[in-house]
Amino acid sequence: MSKYPRADIHIPEATAVASAPPVYEATIELAKSFEERAQILKTQYKFAPGIANQFNESAETFSRRFWIVDNSGSMATSDGHVLIEGSAGVEGMVSCSRWEELGSSILWHANLAANLEVPTEFRLLNPPGMRAAQIVNVGHGNAAHEMNEISKAMGAGPTGRTPLCKHIKEVVAEIREIADDLRNSGKKALVVVASDGASTDGDVASALRPFHDLPVWLVVRLCTDDDNVVDYWNGIDEELELDMDVIDDLCGEAAEVTAVNPWLIYGVNLHKLREWGSTAKEFDLLDERPFKPVEVRNFLNLIFGSAGTVAHPDLGFDKFVKTILEAEKNCPKVYDPLRKRYRQWVDQKKLRKAVGSESCVIS
């Protein structure tokens, strides 16, 4: 386990007891209702209301989840970063290995999936050793045991090569078994590939191609800023034209978003939501181009939810900003990983510069 664990995750002490992995029914139905999950998100997580709703909607849409976790030797490289949190919130960001950074994220998502009882399979590319399981299932109603198992798996150090194709093919086979049920219920499977490199056992594009004909949303969570790796995965995205979102680590993604939409403070909860998976197109476009005024409004309404409705910018920029400020009062501040401090969601000066002149006032 990372030596820099998140303070908001309770991790039970691991006990080295060997046991056969449990067998779970391949069902797409969730144990908890939408309302039950909403209550957990409201009381146990410090999300803006709209963000909490997006997590819940995602759980409903992607009722089966698969994480393919790269634990190859290169993940020991010490160019990662992880947030340190205390009782007062984020205290700062410290350097760590790629594996520790990813481990912090995995434990967070496992904790959420366990609490919401959203079935999620975490599969490591290589056997982890330390009597830990290579495939861990969470979200089946035994949170303490599940967190114990994923903690043991992530507590083992990275080693070995990068057999991505083998595991992608196995996940494809699992999804094919439930594909008809997913389609009939209007749901999809979520597949997250968390890796810092290229596959060492074949052509990843060929392994991923079957997803094109399956009800799947694919997230590629990069664990490196290496341009060759980034280009490699972006090339796959362009070649296959899958429902796919390629995202960097928190700092890298914040920098990319700020470059095109500088008015938004891209914080950790928004990043976790994209890792968790969301079909809202606004999240996928955040780092691709500047938003138009009406897109800013639509995006902020997704974020704020019941905290307040943002006025249409064509009704006047001042009214637009006023409703943003009112909504922000009902939302927790967000930690800015670039400026390393808490801020409101929207930088008003940069918002006026970015979209103020484009708003057409209706008289």
Protein backbone atom coordinates (compact mmCIF):
# COMPACT_ATOMS: atom_id res chain seq x y z
CA MET A 1 0.00 0.00 0.00
CA SER A 2 1.16 3.52 -0.67
CA LYS A 3 3.06 5.18 2.13
CA TYR A 4 0.98 8.23 1.30
CA PRO A 5 -2.59 6.94 1.82
CA ARG A 6 -5.61 9.21 1.50
CA ALA A 7 -6.93 10.13 4.92
CA ASP A 8 -10.59 9.73 3.92
CA ILE A 9 -10.28 6.01 3.22
CA HIS A 10 -10.60 3.52 6.05
CA ILE A 11 -8.35 0.56 5.24
CA PRO A 12 -8.70 -2.40 7.60
CA GLU A 13 -5.53 -4.11 8.74
CA ALA A 14 -4.61 -6.92 6.37
CA THR A 15 -4.30 -10.47 7.61
CA ALA A 16 -2.35 -13.08 5.64
CA VAL A 17 -5.05 -15.74 5.37
CA ALA A 18 -5.08 -17.81 2.20
CA SER A 19 -8.51 -18.41 0.72
CA ALA A 20 -10.05 -19.34 -2.62
CA PRO A 21 -11.39 -16.36 -4.52
CA PRO A 22 -15.19 -16.12 -4.29
CA VAL A 23 -17.34 -16.72 -7.37
CA TYR A 24 -19.84 -13.97 -8.18
CA GLU A 25 -22.94 -14.18 -10.31
CA ALA A 26 -22.59 -12.29 -13.60
CA THR A 27 -25.44 -9.87 -12.89
CA ILE A 28 -25.87 -6.26 -13.96
CA GLU A 29 -28.40 -5.39 -11.25
CA LEU A 30 -27.19 -3.20 -8.39
CA ALA A 31 -27.89 -4.13 -4.77
CA LYS A 32 -28.53 -0.55 -3.61
CA SER A 33 -31.15 1.75 -5.06
CA PHE A 34 -30.36 5.11 -6.64
CA GLU A 35 -31.74 6.82 -3.52
CA GLU A 36 -29.63 4.69 -1.17
CA ARG A 37 -26.48 5.47 -3.13
CA ALA A 38 -27.40 9.17 -3.20
CA GLN A 39 -27.62 9.22 0.59
CA ILE A 40 -24.18 7.60 0.94
CA LEU A 41 -22.64 10.09 -1.51
CA LYS A 42 -24.26 12.98 0.34
CA THR A 43 -23.20 11.96 3.84
CA GLN A 44 -19.80 10.32 3.31
CA TYR A 45 -18.21 12.31 0.48
CA LYS A 46 -17.54 16.03 0.15
CA PHE A 47 -18.83 16.47 -3.37
CA ALA A 48 -20.62 19.35 -5.05
CA PRO A 49 -24.26 18.18 -5.43
CA GLY A 50 -23.97 17.82 -9.20
CA ILE A 51 -20.73 15.85 -8.93
CA ALA A 52 -22.37 13.48 -6.44
CA ASN A 53 -25.26 12.99 -8.86
CA GLN A 54 -22.86 12.30 -11.73
CA PHE A 55 -21.13 9.59 -9.66
CA ASN A 56 -24.53 8.06 -8.96
CA GLU A 57 -25.70 8.26 -12.57
CA SER A 58 -22.45 6.63 -13.64
CA ALA A 59 -22.95 3.79 -11.16
CA GLU A 60 -26.41 3.23 -12.64
CA THR A 61 -25.21 3.33 -16.25
CA PHE A 62 -21.99 1.33 -15.78
CA SER A 63 -23.25 -1.33 -13.43
CA ARG A 64 -20.30 -3.63 -14.18
CA ARG A 65 -16.75 -2.29 -13.96
CA PHE A 66 -13.32 -3.65 -14.81
CA TRP A 67 -9.95 -2.10 -13.95
CA ILE A 68 -6.87 -3.44 -15.75
CA VAL A 69 -4.02 -2.35 -13.47
CA ASP A 70 -0.44 -2.11 -14.71
CA ASN A 71 1.90 -3.41 -12.00
CA SER A 72 4.88 -3.85 -14.32
CA GLY A 73 8.39 -2.96 -13.17
CA SER A 74 8.36 0.51 -14.75
CA MET A 75 5.60 1.56 -12.35
CA ALA A 76 8.31 1.82 -9.67
CA THR A 77 9.61 4.97 -11.41
CA SER A 78 9.53 7.89 -8.97
CA ASP A 79 7.83 10.59 -11.02
CA GLY A 80 4.34 10.32 -9.53
CA HIS A 81 2.46 12.66 -7.19
CA VAL A 82 -0.15 12.02 -4.53
CA LEU A 83 -2.29 14.28 -2.37
CA ILE A 84 -1.78 14.28 1.38
CA GLU A 85 -5.04 14.85 3.25
CA GLY A 86 -5.74 15.63 6.89
CA SER A 87 -8.78 16.52 8.95
CA ALA A 88 -8.82 20.02 7.42
CA GLY A 89 -8.62 18.71 3.85
CA VAL A 90 -5.73 18.58 1.39
CA GLU A 91 -2.43 19.54 2.97
CA GLY A 92 -0.39 19.35 -0.19
CA MET A 93 0.99 17.17 -2.94
CA VAL A 94 4.14 15.09 -2.55
CA SER A 95 6.36 13.11 -4.88
CA CYS A 96 6.09 9.33 -5.01
CA SER A 97 6.36 6.41 -7.43
CA ARG A 98 3.86 5.85 -10.24
CA TRP A 99 2.70 2.77 -8.36
CA GLU A 100 2.02 4.71 -5.17
CA GLU A 101 0.11 7.35 -7.13
CA LEU A 102 -2.01 4.73 -8.88
CA GLY A 103 -2.43 2.81 -5.63
CA SER A 104 -3.95 5.86 -3.96
CA SER A 105 -6.43 6.16 -6.81
CA ILE A 106 -7.26 2.44 -6.86
CA LEU A 107 -7.98 2.37 -3.13
CA TRP A 108 -10.22 5.42 -3.46
CA HIS A 109 -12.26 3.87 -6.27
CA ALA A 110 -12.40 0.50 -4.53
CA ASN A 111 -13.68 2.20 -1.39
CA LEU A 112 -16.40 4.01 -3.33
CA ALA A 113 -17.43 0.89 -5.24
CA ALA A 114 -17.55 -1.10 -1.99
CA ASN A 115 -19.64 1.54 -0.22
CA LEU A 116 -22.09 1.91 -3.12
CA GLU A 117 -22.03 -1.86 -3.84
CA VAL A 118 -21.17 -1.39 -7.50
CA PRO A 119 -19.52 -4.63 -8.74
CA THR A 120 -15.96 -3.83 -9.80
CA GLU A 121 -13.16 -6.17 -10.81
CA PHE A 122 -9.56 -5.08 -10.32
CA ARG A 123 -7.06 -7.25 -12.20
CA LEU A 124 -3.30 -6.78 -11.95
CA LEU A 125 -1.23 -7.54 -15.03
CA ASN A 126 1.26 -9.66 -13.08
CA PRO A 127 0.85 -11.89 -10.00
CA PRO A 128 1.53 -9.56 -7.05
CA GLY A 129 3.08 -12.07 -4.66
CA MET A 130 2.80 -11.65 -0.88
CA ARG A 131 -0.09 -14.17 -1.00
CA ALA A 132 -2.24 -11.44 -2.54
CA ALA A 133 -4.86 -12.08 -5.20
CA GLN A 134 -4.19 -10.99 -8.78
CA ILE A 135 -7.92 -10.37 -9.37
CA VAL A 136 -9.95 -8.69 -6.65
CA ASN A 137 -13.71 -8.12 -6.77
CA VAL A 138 -15.37 -5.38 -4.73
CA GLY A 139 -18.92 -4.07 -4.49
CA HIS A 140 -20.53 -7.35 -3.43
CA GLY A 141 -21.64 -6.40 0.08
CA ASN A 142 -18.58 -7.23 2.21
CA ALA A 143 -16.68 -3.93 2.20
CA ALA A 144 -14.21 -4.73 5.00
CA HIS A 145 -13.07 -7.98 3.40
CA GLU A 146 -12.97 -6.44 -0.07
CA MET A 147 -10.84 -3.51 1.07
CA ASN A 148 -8.56 -5.90 2.90
CA GLU A 149 -8.00 -7.87 -0.32
CA ILE A 150 -7.39 -4.87 -2.57
CA SER A 151 -5.05 -3.38 0.04
CA LYS A 152 -2.95 -6.55 0.02
CA ALA A 153 -2.84 -6.61 -3.78
CA MET A 154 -1.80 -2.97 -4.04
CA GLY A 155 0.63 -3.39 -1.15
CA ALA A 156 2.85 -5.64 -3.25
CA GLY A 157 5.50 -3.85 -5.30
CA PRO A 158 5.36 -3.62 -9.10
CA THR A 159 7.23 -6.24 -11.09
CA GLY A 160 7.27 -7.94 -14.46
CA ARG A 161 6.28 -6.95 -17.98
CA THR A 162 3.13 -5.38 -19.47
CA PRO A 163 0.79 -8.14 -20.78
CA LEU A 164 -2.11 -5.81 -21.50
CA CYS A 165 -3.49 -7.78 -24.44
CA LYS A 166 -4.01 -10.95 -22.38
CA HIS A 167 -6.09 -9.14 -19.79
CA ILE A 168 -8.02 -7.04 -22.29
CA LYS A 169 -9.05 -10.25 -24.10
CA GLU A 170 -10.17 -11.82 -20.83
CA VAL A 171 -12.28 -8.76 -19.97
CA VAL A 172 -13.76 -8.83 -23.49
CA ALA A 173 -14.82 -12.44 -22.84
CA GLU A 174 -16.43 -11.49 -19.51
CA ILE A 175 -18.37 -8.62 -21.06
CA ARG A 176 -19.59 -10.79 -23.95
CA GLU A 177 -21.32 -13.00 -21.37
CA ILE A 178 -23.44 -10.10 -20.11
CA ALA A 179 -23.61 -8.01 -23.30
CA ASP A 180 -27.25 -8.88 -24.11
CA ASP A 181 -28.36 -8.08 -20.56
CA LEU A 182 -26.50 -4.77 -20.70
CA ARG A 183 -28.09 -3.82 -24.03
CA ASN A 184 -31.58 -4.86 -22.96
CA SER A 185 -31.37 -2.70 -19.84
CA GLY A 186 -29.72 0.28 -21.55
CA LYS A 187 -26.53 -0.12 -19.52
CA LYS A 188 -22.84 -0.43 -20.36
CA ALA A 189 -19.72 -1.90 -18.86
CA LEU A 190 -16.89 0.40 -17.83
CA VAL A 191 -13.31 -0.66 -18.56
CA VAL A 192 -10.42 1.35 -17.12
CA VAL A 193 -6.91 0.63 -18.38
CA ALA A 194 -4.37 2.17 -16.00
CA SER A 195 -0.88 1.91 -17.49
CA ASP A 196 2.40 3.73 -18.03
CA GLY A 197 3.43 2.10 -21.29
CA ALA A 198 2.80 -0.03 -24.33
CA SER A 199 1.81 -3.66 -24.28
CA THR A 200 4.58 -6.28 -24.37
CA ASP A 201 2.34 -9.15 -25.54
CA GLY A 202 0.81 -7.94 -28.79
CA ASP A 203 -1.12 -5.18 -30.52
CA VAL A 204 -3.35 -3.33 -28.06
CA ALA A 205 -5.48 -1.82 -30.82
CA SER A 206 -6.36 -5.31 -32.05
CA ALA A 207 -7.14 -6.46 -28.51
CA LEU A 208 -9.40 -3.45 -27.91
CA ARG A 209 -11.20 -3.62 -31.27
CA PRO A 210 -13.92 -6.04 -30.05
CA PHE A 211 -15.12 -3.32 -27.67
CA HIS A 212 -16.43 -1.52 -30.76
CA ASP A 213 -19.27 -4.05 -30.95
CA LEU A 214 -19.91 -4.27 -27.21
CA PRO A 215 -21.73 -1.90 -24.82
CA VAL A 216 -18.54 -0.51 -23.28
CA TRP A 217 -17.14 2.83 -22.16
CA LEU A 218 -13.34 2.79 -22.07
CA VAL A 219 -11.16 5.02 -19.90
CA VAL A 220 -7.38 5.00 -20.34
CA ARG A 221 -5.75 6.38 -17.19
CA LEU A 222 -2.15 7.22 -18.10
CA CYS A 223 0.45 6.86 -15.35
CA THR A 224 3.19 8.81 -17.13
CA ASP A 225 3.77 12.08 -18.97
CA ASP A 226 6.08 10.42 -21.52
CA ASP A 227 5.16 11.89 -24.91
CA ASN A 228 5.68 8.56 -26.70
CA VAL A 229 3.21 6.80 -24.39
CA VAL A 230 0.68 9.64 -24.65
CA ASP A 231 0.94 9.60 -28.46
CA TYR A 232 0.65 5.80 -28.45
CA TRP A 233 -2.70 5.82 -26.62
CA ASN A 234 -4.07 8.89 -28.40
CA GLY A 235 -3.25 7.14 -31.68
CA ILE A 236 -5.23 4.10 -30.57
CA ASP A 237 -8.14 6.40 -29.64
CA GLU A 238 -8.13 7.96 -33.13
CA GLU A 239 -7.73 4.61 -34.90
CA LEU A 240 -10.51 2.71 -33.16
CA GLU A 241 -13.08 5.50 -32.62
CA LEU A 242 -14.37 3.80 -29.48
CA ASP A 243 -16.38 5.41 -26.68
CA MET A 244 -13.11 6.27 -25.00
CA ASP A 245 -11.56 8.92 -22.75
CA VAL A 246 -7.77 9.16 -22.40
CA ILE A 247 -6.78 11.05 -19.25
CA ASP A 248 -3.51 11.99 -17.61
CA ASP A 249 -2.75 12.17 -13.90
CA LEU A 250 -4.34 14.97 -11.85
CA CYS A 251 -1.64 17.60 -12.39
CA GLY A 252 -1.16 16.79 -16.06
CA GLU A 253 -4.87 16.84 -16.79
CA ALA A 254 -5.34 20.07 -14.82
CA ALA A 255 -2.67 21.72 -16.93
CA GLU A 256 -4.29 20.52 -20.17
CA VAL A 257 -7.75 21.71 -19.11
CA THR A 258 -6.43 25.08 -17.91
CA ALA A 259 -4.71 25.63 -21.27
CA VAL A 260 -8.06 25.69 -23.11
CA ASN A 261 -10.59 26.48 -20.35
CA PRO A 262 -8.63 28.58 -17.83
CA TRP A 263 -11.79 29.71 -15.97
CA LEU A 264 -12.29 26.23 -14.48
CA ILE A 265 -10.47 25.00 -11.40
CA TYR A 266 -9.85 21.37 -12.27
CA GLY A 267 -9.76 19.60 -8.92
CA VAL A 268 -9.44 16.07 -7.60
CA ASN A 269 -13.16 15.23 -7.43
CA LEU A 270 -13.69 16.13 -11.08
CA HIS A 271 -10.67 14.01 -11.99
CA LYS A 272 -11.98 11.07 -9.96
CA LEU A 273 -15.32 11.38 -11.71
CA ARG A 274 -13.65 11.04 -15.09
CA GLU A 275 -11.77 7.98 -13.82
CA TRP A 276 -15.08 6.62 -12.49
CA GLY A 277 -16.57 7.13 -15.95
CA SER A 278 -19.17 9.58 -17.24
CA THR A 279 -21.00 9.64 -20.53
CA ALA A 280 -21.58 13.40 -20.30
CA LYS A 281 -19.72 14.68 -23.37
CA GLU A 282 -18.71 17.89 -21.59
CA PHE A 283 -16.18 16.00 -19.46
CA ASP A 284 -14.52 14.45 -22.50
CA LEU A 285 -14.25 17.84 -24.23
CA LEU A 286 -12.79 19.73 -21.27
CA ASP A 287 -9.18 19.41 -22.40
CA GLU A 288 -9.84 19.51 -26.16
CA ARG A 289 -11.08 23.04 -26.92
CA PRO A 290 -12.44 26.23 -25.31
CA PHE A 291 -16.08 25.99 -24.28
CA LYS A 292 -18.63 28.33 -25.79
CA PRO A 293 -20.70 30.39 -23.29
CA VAL A 294 -23.70 28.05 -23.40
CA GLU A 295 -21.37 25.04 -22.96
CA VAL A 296 -19.88 26.69 -19.86
CA ARG A 297 -23.41 27.04 -18.48
CA ASN A 298 -24.33 23.44 -19.26
CA PHE A 299 -21.11 22.15 -17.73
CA LEU A 300 -21.50 24.19 -14.53
CA ASN A 301 -25.09 23.03 -14.12
CA LEU A 302 -23.77 19.46 -14.25
CA ILE A 303 -21.27 20.34 -11.50
CA PHE A 304 -23.53 22.37 -9.23
CA GLY A 305 -26.71 20.30 -9.58
CA SER A 306 -29.18 21.21 -6.86
CA ALA A 307 -26.79 23.84 -5.45
CA GLY A 308 -28.17 26.34 -7.96
CA THR A 309 -29.07 26.86 -11.60
CA VAL A 310 -26.70 28.95 -13.71
CA ALA A 311 -28.48 31.55 -15.84
CA HIS A 312 -28.13 31.54 -19.60
CA PRO A 313 -25.20 33.84 -20.56
CA ASP A 314 -27.32 35.45 -23.30
CA LEU A 315 -29.47 36.97 -20.55
CA GLY A 316 -26.50 39.08 -19.49
CA PHE A 317 -23.01 38.27 -18.29
CA ASP A 318 -23.50 39.88 -14.86
CA LYS A 319 -26.59 37.75 -14.19
CA PHE A 320 -24.67 34.73 -15.46
CA VAL A 321 -21.85 35.37 -12.98
CA LYS A 322 -24.23 36.16 -10.11
CA THR A 323 -25.94 32.79 -10.39
CA ILE A 324 -22.53 31.06 -10.48
CA LEU A 325 -21.52 32.82 -7.26
CA GLU A 326 -24.81 31.83 -5.60
CA ALA A 327 -24.34 28.18 -6.58
CA GLU A 328 -20.73 28.16 -5.36
CA LYS A 329 -21.92 29.15 -1.88
CA ASN A 330 -23.62 25.76 -1.64
CA CYS A 331 -20.62 23.77 -2.82
CA PRO A 332 -17.35 22.88 -1.06
CA LYS A 333 -14.28 24.62 -2.42
CA VAL A 334 -12.00 22.65 -4.69
CA TYR A 335 -8.27 22.07 -4.27
CA ASP A 336 -6.35 23.56 -7.19
CA PRO A 337 -3.44 21.17 -7.92
CA LEU A 338 -1.63 23.81 -9.98
CA ARG A 339 -1.75 26.68 -7.48
CA LYS A 340 -1.80 24.26 -4.54
CA ARG A 341 -4.61 25.90 -2.58
CA TYR A 342 -8.37 25.75 -2.17
CA ARG A 343 -10.45 27.89 -4.50
CA GLN A 344 -13.97 28.27 -5.80
CA TRP A 345 -14.82 26.27 -8.92
CA VAL A 346 -14.73 29.27 -11.28
CA ASP A 347 -12.13 32.01 -11.75
CA GLN A 348 -14.39 34.99 -12.43
CA LYS A 349 -11.77 37.18 -14.13
CA LYS A 350 -10.72 34.43 -16.51
CA LEU A 351 -14.35 33.55 -17.17
CA ARG A 352 -15.12 37.13 -18.21
CA LYS A 353 -12.06 37.17 -20.46
CA ALA A 354 -12.90 33.77 -21.97
CA VAL A 355 -16.63 34.07 -22.61
CA GLY A 356 -17.83 37.52 -21.51
CA SER A 357 -17.38 39.15 -24.88
CA GLU A 358 -19.18 36.27 -26.63
CA SER A 359 -22.39 36.62 -24.61
CA CYS A 360 -25.20 38.30 -26.47
CA VAL A 361 -27.44 40.28 -24.11
CA ILE A 362 -31.15 39.98 -24.82
CA SER A 363 -32.96 43.25 -24.17
